[in-house]
Amino acid sequence: MREDWQGLPADGRQSETALMIARGVRRLLRARGFSSLTELPLTDGRRADIAAVNRDGEVLIVEVKSSPADFRADRKWRDYVACCDRLYFAISERTPAGLMPLEAGLIVADPYGAEIVREAELQRMASASRRALLLRFAQAAADRLHRLADPGATPEF
């Protein structure tokens, strides 16, 4: 069975390229003091490809784009700005960096790591939004750990 970048069974939504990019990005984020989750449900029903939080409570969202077509099909990325302090796109070296909007930071990744090639501008999110996102982050992390420890447990509610 194929696993996703968390060691959990893959849900089939991510391409091999997207999984590879996410793995490299998460290694970079960890090295920079961020803990991350993939596919985090946001309060508006969307899912962040990668959401990350550091010890100061700074929240990043990273949108993984596996190809130019993947980016062109994405009409929702601007909505993520209200859900984080910094927004990034993450691509592989095969995707032209010039396609990615200047309004977001840019990360180039491979399976072993990543590099920030354009820093995202800090735009502090509203306190109520931060609280809601941090609670979702904590609950999602705890639920995923529980599923790993007890795969036969009752599914999410």
C-alpha atoms as a PDB file:
ATOM      1  CA  MET A   1       0.000   0.000   0.000  1.00  0.00           C
ATOM      2  CA  ARG A   2       1.333   3.439  -0.943  1.00  0.00           C
ATOM      3  CA  GLU A   3       1.804   5.823   1.956  1.00  0.00           C
ATOM      4  CA  ASP A   4       1.468   9.579   1.985  1.00  0.00           C
ATOM      5  CA  TRP A   5       4.177  11.915   3.315  1.00  0.00           C
ATOM      6  CA  GLN A   6       3.025  11.323   6.904  1.00  0.00           C
ATOM      7  CA  GLY A   7       3.410   7.540   6.759  1.00  0.00           C
ATOM      8  CA  LEU A   8      -0.371   7.174   6.619  1.00  0.00           C
ATOM      9  CA  PRO A   9      -2.173   5.365   3.792  1.00  0.00           C
ATOM     10  CA  ALA A  10      -2.323   7.687   0.767  1.00  0.00           C
ATOM     11  CA  ASP A  11      -5.770   8.999  -0.063  1.00  0.00           C
ATOM     12  CA  GLY A  12      -5.072   9.090  -3.790  1.00  0.00           C
ATOM     13  CA  ARG A  13      -5.497  12.854  -4.238  1.00  0.00           C
ATOM     14  CA  GLN A  14      -1.783  13.639  -4.520  1.00  0.00           C
ATOM     15  CA  SER A  15       0.440  12.797  -7.467  1.00  0.00           C
ATOM     16  CA  GLU A  16       3.890  11.328  -6.923  1.00  0.00           C
ATOM     17  CA  THR A  17       5.323  14.756  -7.776  1.00  0.00           C
ATOM     18  CA  ALA A  18       3.118  16.465  -5.167  1.00  0.00           C
ATOM     19  CA  LEU A  19       4.145  13.908  -2.537  1.00  0.00           C
ATOM     20  CA  MET A  20       7.811  14.501  -3.376  1.00  0.00           C
ATOM     21  CA  ILE A  21       7.459  18.293  -3.149  1.00  0.00           C
ATOM     22  CA  ALA A  22       5.597  18.065   0.152  1.00  0.00           C
ATOM     23  CA  ARG A  23       8.258  15.815   1.649  1.00  0.00           C
ATOM     24  CA  GLY A  24      11.039  18.273   0.801  1.00  0.00           C
ATOM     25  CA  VAL A  25       9.007  21.258   2.030  1.00  0.00           C
ATOM     26  CA  ARG A  26       8.210  19.595   5.332  1.00  0.00           C
ATOM     27  CA  ARG A  27      11.912  18.865   5.883  1.00  0.00           C
ATOM     28  CA  LEU A  28      12.701  22.541   5.282  1.00  0.00           C
ATOM     29  CA  LEU A  29       9.944  23.689   7.614  1.00  0.00           C
ATOM     30  CA  ARG A  30      11.129  21.323  10.355  1.00  0.00           C
ATOM     31  CA  ALA A  31      14.668  22.670  10.033  1.00  0.00           C
ATOM     32  CA  ARG A  32      13.238  26.188  10.450  1.00  0.00           C
ATOM     33  CA  GLY A  33      11.384  25.288  13.660  1.00  0.00           C
ATOM     34  CA  PHE A  34       7.907  24.651  12.220  1.00  0.00           C
ATOM     35  CA  SER A  35       5.697  21.657  12.887  1.00  0.00           C
ATOM     36  CA  SER A  36       3.534  20.806   9.898  1.00  0.00           C
ATOM     37  CA  LEU A  37       0.446  18.889   8.862  1.00  0.00           C
ATOM     38  CA  THR A  38      -0.768  18.049   5.401  1.00  0.00           C
ATOM     39  CA  GLU A  39      -4.325  18.357   4.129  1.00  0.00           C
ATOM     40  CA  LEU A  40      -5.477  20.448   7.088  1.00  0.00           C
ATOM     41  CA  PRO A  41      -9.201  21.298   6.882  1.00  0.00           C
ATOM     42  CA  LEU A  42      -9.744  25.046   7.227  1.00  0.00           C
ATOM     43  CA  THR A  43     -12.801  26.776   8.679  1.00  0.00           C
ATOM     44  CA  ASP A  44     -14.173  27.610   5.206  1.00  0.00           C
ATOM     45  CA  GLY A  45     -14.174  23.945   4.122  1.00  0.00           C
ATOM     46  CA  ARG A  46     -11.017  24.128   2.017  1.00  0.00           C
ATOM     47  CA  ARG A  47      -7.897  22.128   2.809  1.00  0.00           C
ATOM     48  CA  ALA A  48      -4.392  23.506   3.079  1.00  0.00           C
ATOM     49  CA  ASP A  49      -1.842  21.275   1.348  1.00  0.00           C
ATOM     50  CA  ILE A  50       0.609  22.006   4.168  1.00  0.00           C
ATOM     51  CA  ALA A  51      -0.060  24.071   7.287  1.00  0.00           C
ATOM     52  CA  ALA A  52       2.773  24.797   9.691  1.00  0.00           C
ATOM     53  CA  VAL A  53       3.116  26.449  13.104  1.00  0.00           C
ATOM     54  CA  ASN A  54       6.213  27.507  15.037  1.00  0.00           C
ATOM     55  CA  ARG A  55       6.701  28.068  18.772  1.00  0.00           C
ATOM     56  CA  ASP A  56       5.729  31.746  18.407  1.00  0.00           C
ATOM     57  CA  GLY A  57       2.385  30.771  16.875  1.00  0.00           C
ATOM     58  CA  GLU A  58       3.293  31.963  13.376  1.00  0.00           C
ATOM     59  CA  VAL A  59       1.157  30.113  10.835  1.00  0.00           C
ATOM     60  CA  LEU A  60       2.270  29.257   7.303  1.00  0.00           C
ATOM     61  CA  ILE A  61       0.274  27.690   4.511  1.00  0.00           C
ATOM     62  CA  VAL A  62       2.113  26.095   1.609  1.00  0.00           C
ATOM     63  CA  GLU A  63       0.219  25.323  -1.574  1.00  0.00           C
ATOM     64  CA  VAL A  64       1.915  22.487  -3.466  1.00  0.00           C
ATOM     65  CA  LYS A  65       1.795  22.805  -7.259  1.00  0.00           C
ATOM     66  CA  SER A  66       2.985  19.738  -9.137  1.00  0.00           C
ATOM     67  CA  SER A  67       2.766  21.276 -12.616  1.00  0.00           C
ATOM     68  CA  PRO A  68       1.750  24.417 -14.533  1.00  0.00           C
ATOM     69  CA  ALA A  69      -1.650  22.801 -15.188  1.00  0.00           C
ATOM     70  CA  ASP A  70      -2.113  22.236 -11.447  1.00  0.00           C
ATOM     71  CA  PHE A  71      -1.500  25.940 -10.807  1.00  0.00           C
ATOM     72  CA  ARG A  72      -3.772  27.097 -13.636  1.00  0.00           C
ATOM     73  CA  ALA A  73      -6.616  24.970 -12.258  1.00  0.00           C
ATOM     74  CA  ASP A  74      -6.300  26.580  -8.800  1.00  0.00           C
ATOM     75  CA  ARG A  75      -8.698  29.483  -8.363  1.00  0.00           C
ATOM     76  CA  LYS A  76      -8.815  29.360  -4.562  1.00  0.00           C
ATOM     77  CA  TRP A  77      -5.290  30.212  -3.481  1.00  0.00           C
ATOM     78  CA  ARG A  78      -6.072  33.850  -2.594  1.00  0.00           C
ATOM     79  CA  ASP A  79      -8.601  32.625  -0.017  1.00  0.00           C
ATOM     80  CA  TYR A  80      -5.772  31.094   2.023  1.00  0.00           C
ATOM     81  CA  VAL A  81      -4.280  34.514   2.845  1.00  0.00           C
ATOM     82  CA  ALA A  82      -6.853  35.073   5.615  1.00  0.00           C
ATOM     83  CA  CYS A  83      -5.937  31.700   7.179  1.00  0.00           C
ATOM     84  CA  CYS A  84      -2.209  32.263   7.705  1.00  0.00           C
ATOM     85  CA  ASP A  85       0.537  34.763   8.431  1.00  0.00           C
ATOM     86  CA  ARG A  86       2.559  33.785   5.354  1.00  0.00           C
ATOM     87  CA  LEU A  87       1.498  32.019   2.162  1.00  0.00           C
ATOM     88  CA  TYR A  88       3.892  30.085  -0.075  1.00  0.00           C
ATOM     89  CA  PHE A  89       3.727  28.079  -3.250  1.00  0.00           C
ATOM     90  CA  ALA A  90       5.959  25.031  -3.480  1.00  0.00           C
ATOM     91  CA  ILE A  91       7.046  23.623  -6.829  1.00  0.00           C
ATOM     92  CA  SER A  92       9.639  21.279  -8.259  1.00  0.00           C
ATOM     93  CA  GLU A  93      12.478  22.575 -10.409  1.00  0.00           C
ATOM     94  CA  ARG A  94      10.500  21.382 -13.468  1.00  0.00           C
ATOM     95  CA  THR A  95       7.752  23.973 -12.939  1.00  0.00           C
ATOM     96  CA  PRO A  96       8.639  27.476 -14.185  1.00  0.00           C
ATOM     97  CA  ALA A  97       8.988  29.789 -11.195  1.00  0.00           C
ATOM     98  CA  GLY A  98       7.720  32.688 -13.292  1.00  0.00           C
ATOM     99  CA  LEU A  99       4.211  31.211 -13.264  1.00  0.00           C
ATOM    100  CA  MET A 100       3.871  31.622  -9.515  1.00  0.00           C
ATOM    101  CA  PRO A 101       2.256  34.849  -8.264  1.00  0.00           C
ATOM    102  CA  LEU A 102       4.468  37.461  -6.652  1.00  0.00           C
ATOM    103  CA  GLU A 103       1.871  37.921  -3.880  1.00  0.00           C
ATOM    104  CA  ALA A 104       3.086  34.694  -2.256  1.00  0.00           C
ATOM    105  CA  GLY A 105       6.430  33.269  -1.272  1.00  0.00           C
ATOM    106  CA  LEU A 106       8.043  30.557  -3.362  1.00  0.00           C
ATOM    107  CA  ILE A 107       9.720  27.310  -2.364  1.00  0.00           C
ATOM    108  CA  VAL A 108      11.480  24.934  -4.751  1.00  0.00           C
ATOM    109  CA  ALA A 109      11.640  21.362  -3.452  1.00  0.00           C
ATOM    110  CA  ASP A 110      12.906  17.895  -4.222  1.00  0.00           C
ATOM    111  CA  PRO A 111      12.401  14.700  -2.166  1.00  0.00           C
ATOM    112  CA  TYR A 112      15.317  15.530   0.122  1.00  0.00           C
ATOM    113  CA  GLY A 113      14.767  19.163   0.985  1.00  0.00           C
ATOM    114  CA  ALA A 114      13.699  22.557  -0.252  1.00  0.00           C
ATOM    115  CA  GLU A 115      14.830  26.139  -0.545  1.00  0.00           C
ATOM    116  CA  ILE A 116      12.873  29.349  -0.129  1.00  0.00           C
ATOM    117  CA  VAL A 117      13.623  31.342  -3.260  1.00  0.00           C
ATOM    118  CA  ARG A 118      11.205  34.156  -2.425  1.00  0.00           C
ATOM    119  CA  GLU A 119      10.178  34.933   1.140  1.00  0.00           C
ATOM    120  CA  ALA A 120       6.458  35.450   1.788  1.00  0.00           C
ATOM    121  CA  GLU A 121       5.355  38.780   3.153  1.00  0.00           C
ATOM    122  CA  LEU A 122       4.198  38.680   6.770  1.00  0.00           C
ATOM    123  CA  GLN A 123       0.505  39.549   7.032  1.00  0.00           C
ATOM    124  CA  ARG A 124      -0.735  38.761  10.530  1.00  0.00           C
ATOM    125  CA  MET A 125      -4.032  36.921  10.545  1.00  0.00           C
ATOM    126  CA  ALA A 126      -6.922  37.979  12.776  1.00  0.00           C
ATOM    127  CA  SER A 127      -6.815  36.675  16.354  1.00  0.00           C
ATOM    128  CA  ALA A 128     -10.085  34.758  16.051  1.00  0.00           C
ATOM    129  CA  SER A 129      -8.880  33.110  12.836  1.00  0.00           C
ATOM    130  CA  ARG A 130      -5.568  32.209  14.467  1.00  0.00           C
ATOM    131  CA  ARG A 131      -7.319  30.601  17.434  1.00  0.00           C
ATOM    132  CA  ALA A 132      -9.654  28.595  15.184  1.00  0.00           C
ATOM    133  CA  LEU A 133      -6.793  27.405  12.986  1.00  0.00           C
ATOM    134  CA  LEU A 134      -4.550  26.451  15.909  1.00  0.00           C
ATOM    135  CA  LEU A 135      -7.387  24.430  17.440  1.00  0.00           C
ATOM    136  CA  ARG A 136      -7.962  22.623  14.120  1.00  0.00           C
ATOM    137  CA  PHE A 137      -4.233  22.002  13.840  1.00  0.00           C
ATOM    138  CA  ALA A 138      -3.992  20.529  17.342  1.00  0.00           C
ATOM    139  CA  GLN A 139      -7.075  18.370  16.937  1.00  0.00           C
ATOM    140  CA  ALA A 140      -5.990  17.062  13.521  1.00  0.00           C
ATOM    141  CA  ALA A 141      -2.526  16.205  14.873  1.00  0.00           C
ATOM    142  CA  ALA A 142      -3.955  14.393  17.893  1.00  0.00           C
ATOM    143  CA  ASP A 143      -6.486  12.489  15.753  1.00  0.00           C
ATOM    144  CA  ARG A 144      -3.756  11.372  13.333  1.00  0.00           C
ATOM    145  CA  LEU A 145      -1.555  10.159  16.173  1.00  0.00           C
ATOM    146  CA  HIS A 146      -4.512   8.271  17.618  1.00  0.00           C
ATOM    147  CA  ARG A 147      -5.195   6.558  14.260  1.00  0.00           C
ATOM    148  CA  LEU A 148      -1.543   5.476  14.081  1.00  0.00           C
ATOM    149  CA  ALA A 149      -1.620   4.096  17.624  1.00  0.00           C
ATOM    150  CA  ASP A 150      -5.075   2.508  17.291  1.00  0.00           C
ATOM    151  CA  PRO A 151      -5.954   1.847  13.634  1.00  0.00           C
ATOM    152  CA  GLY A 152      -9.184   0.048  14.602  1.00  0.00           C
ATOM    153  CA  ALA A 153     -10.572   2.997  16.576  1.00  0.00           C
ATOM    154  CA  THR A 154     -13.789   4.749  15.719  1.00  0.00           C
ATOM    155  CA  PRO A 155     -13.334   7.055  12.681  1.00  0.00           C
ATOM    156  CA  GLU A 156     -13.277  10.840  12.992  1.00  0.00           C
ATOM    157  CA  PHE A 157     -16.464  12.542  14.070  1.00  0.00           C
END
